[in-house]
Protein backbone atom coordinates (compact mmCIF):
# COMPACT_ATOMS: atom_id res chain seq x y z
CA MET A 1 0.00 0.00 0.00
CA THR A 2 1.25 3.49 -0.74
CA ARG A 3 0.50 6.74 1.01
CA ALA A 4 -0.20 8.32 -2.37
CA MET A 5 -3.17 6.09 -3.06
CA LEU A 6 -4.76 7.15 0.21
CA ALA A 7 -3.81 10.78 -0.10
CA ALA A 8 -5.74 11.01 -3.32
CA GLY A 9 -9.00 10.30 -1.58
CA VAL A 10 -8.25 12.88 1.05
CA ALA A 11 -7.62 15.65 -1.43
CA ALA A 12 -10.85 14.85 -3.17
CA LEU A 13 -12.82 15.27 0.04
CA ALA A 14 -11.33 18.68 0.68
CA THR A 15 -12.45 19.86 -2.72
CA ALA A 16 -15.97 18.56 -2.20
CA GLY A 17 -16.23 20.50 1.03
CA VAL A 18 -15.22 23.75 -0.60
CA LEU A 19 -17.90 23.32 -3.21
CA ALA A 20 -20.59 22.51 -0.69
CA ALA A 21 -19.68 25.54 1.41
CA SER A 22 -19.52 27.90 -1.55
CA GLY A 23 -22.82 26.83 -3.03
CA VAL A 24 -21.25 25.43 -6.18
CA ALA A 25 -22.36 21.92 -5.23
CA GLN A 26 -25.96 23.16 -5.27
CA SER A 27 -25.79 24.38 -8.88
CA SER A 28 -28.11 22.67 -11.35
CA GLY A 29 -25.43 20.61 -13.11
CA GLY A 30 -22.95 19.85 -10.34
CA THR A 31 -19.25 20.58 -10.80
CA THR A 32 -15.78 19.05 -11.07
CA LEU A 33 -12.72 20.22 -9.11
CA HIS A 34 -9.05 19.30 -9.22
CA LEU A 35 -6.65 18.98 -6.26
CA VAL A 36 -3.24 17.59 -5.37
CA SER A 37 -2.54 15.58 -2.22
CA LYS A 38 0.96 15.22 -0.73
CA GLN A 39 2.07 13.08 2.16
CA THR A 40 3.41 14.60 5.36
CA LYS A 41 4.97 13.11 8.47
CA GLY A 42 2.69 11.22 10.80
CA GLY A 43 0.50 8.17 10.72
CA PHE A 44 1.21 4.55 11.50
CA MET A 45 2.19 1.45 9.51
CA PRO A 46 2.23 -2.23 10.46
CA LYS A 47 5.47 -4.21 10.23
CA HIS A 48 3.70 -6.68 7.92
CA PHE A 49 0.69 -6.08 5.68
CA THR A 50 -1.30 -9.12 6.69
CA GLU A 51 -5.04 -9.47 6.11
CA GLY A 52 -6.84 -7.08 8.48
CA ALA A 53 -3.75 -4.99 9.30
CA ARG A 54 -4.63 -1.34 9.96
CA PHE A 55 -2.58 1.66 8.92
CA GLY A 56 -3.05 5.41 8.67
CA PHE A 57 -1.69 8.65 7.27
CA VAL A 58 -1.74 12.41 7.74
CA ASP A 59 -1.67 14.41 4.49
CA LYS A 60 -1.92 17.97 3.18
CA VAL A 61 -4.06 19.02 0.22
CA SER A 62 -3.68 21.99 -2.12
CA GLY A 63 -5.37 23.39 -5.17
CA ASP A 64 -8.82 24.94 -4.91
CA GLU A 65 -8.71 24.43 -1.11
CA THR A 66 -6.09 23.64 1.51
CA GLY A 67 -6.29 21.59 4.66
CA SER A 68 -5.21 18.42 6.38
CA THR A 69 -6.52 14.90 6.31
CA ARG A 70 -6.54 11.77 8.42
CA ILE A 71 -6.78 8.43 6.64
CA VAL A 72 -7.30 5.06 8.33
CA CYS A 73 -7.33 1.84 6.29
CA THR A 74 -7.70 -1.87 6.76
CA ASN A 75 -5.69 -4.19 4.50
CA VAL A 76 -7.98 -6.49 2.51
CA GLY A 77 -5.91 -8.69 0.19
CA ASN A 78 -4.06 -6.47 -2.28
CA LYS A 79 -6.44 -3.54 -1.62
CA ALA A 80 -7.44 -1.42 1.35
CA LEU A 81 -10.79 -0.31 2.78
CA CYS A 82 -10.20 3.33 3.73
CA THR A 83 -12.08 5.96 5.71
CA ILE A 84 -10.95 9.53 5.07
CA GLN A 85 -11.57 12.65 7.17
CA VAL A 86 -10.70 16.12 5.89
CA GLN A 87 -10.45 19.03 8.33
CA LEU A 88 -11.05 22.44 6.78
CA SER A 89 -11.68 25.83 8.38
CA LYS A 90 -15.48 25.61 8.06
CA GLY A 91 -16.08 21.93 8.84
CA THR A 92 -15.15 18.38 7.96
CA LEU A 93 -15.74 15.97 5.08
CA SER A 94 -15.84 12.17 5.02
CA ALA A 95 -15.28 9.59 2.29
CA GLN A 96 -14.91 5.85 2.08
CA GLY A 97 -13.92 3.27 -0.49
CA ILE A 98 -11.78 0.38 -1.66
CA VAL A 99 -8.36 1.56 -2.84
CA PRO A 100 -5.95 -0.56 -4.94
CA GLN A 101 -2.19 -0.49 -4.44
CA ARG A 102 -1.90 1.93 -7.38
CA SER A 103 -4.85 4.23 -8.04
CA ASN A 104 -5.78 5.15 -11.60
CA HIS A 105 -9.08 7.06 -11.69
CA THR A 106 -10.20 5.04 -8.64
CA PRO A 107 -13.67 6.08 -7.38
CA LEU A 108 -14.39 6.82 -3.70
CA ALA A 109 -17.76 7.82 -2.28
CA ILE A 110 -18.21 11.14 -0.49
CA THR A 111 -20.24 10.01 2.53
CA GLY A 112 -21.00 13.34 4.19
CA GLY A 113 -19.73 16.35 6.05
CA THR A 114 -20.31 18.72 8.95
CA GLY A 115 -20.55 22.47 9.34
CA ALA A 116 -20.47 24.31 6.02
CA TYR A 117 -19.95 20.99 4.22
CA ASP A 118 -23.16 19.39 5.46
CA GLY A 119 -24.89 17.61 2.57
CA ALA A 120 -21.82 17.21 0.31
CA ARG A 121 -22.20 14.18 -1.98
CA GLY A 122 -20.59 12.83 -5.09
CA THR A 123 -17.58 10.81 -6.23
CA VAL A 124 -13.86 11.33 -5.88
CA PHE A 125 -11.55 9.94 -8.59
CA ALA A 126 -7.96 9.39 -7.41
CA THR A 127 -4.86 8.87 -9.56
CA ASP A 128 -1.39 8.34 -8.08
CA THR A 129 1.21 10.57 -9.74
CA SER A 130 4.13 9.40 -7.57
CA ARG A 131 4.75 7.51 -4.32
CA THR A 132 4.08 10.70 -2.37
CA SER A 133 1.39 12.58 -4.32
CA SER A 134 -1.91 12.08 -6.11
CA LYS A 135 -4.15 13.94 -8.53
CA ILE A 136 -7.79 14.21 -7.50
CA ASP A 137 -10.83 14.83 -9.70
CA ILE A 138 -14.05 15.44 -7.78
CA GLU A 139 -17.50 15.24 -9.31
CA LEU A 140 -20.11 16.73 -7.00
CA LEU A 141 -23.79 16.14 -7.44
CA PRO A 142 -26.14 19.14 -7.44
């Protein structure tokens, strides 16, 4: 598992929150945003990636919005089931999904938010660009 694959989901959540807070997510046709996620220090990794092993990361996102994320995953075969929390100045966003070892337009579900991001919904598409960064495309529903 790489930090980049998990960071991608995090960046996507941050973008979704910005849209929900700004009212863009409520537009008639929805919208798409683009972000970059980069790993930072922090988190935890198991010594061995056995079935059910848990691991986590702390990442920073940039682009249309900035913030920090917390990612916690459970190893499931050669993939991971990940829950992602994004902390922004006006609230938080959540997402969840199955992430492969190398993401290439991998979809993750935006599962909700709090504060100004309440009601955010849509899909995050994550693509690893290196071992330490990911490109995020976010499609928000109206």
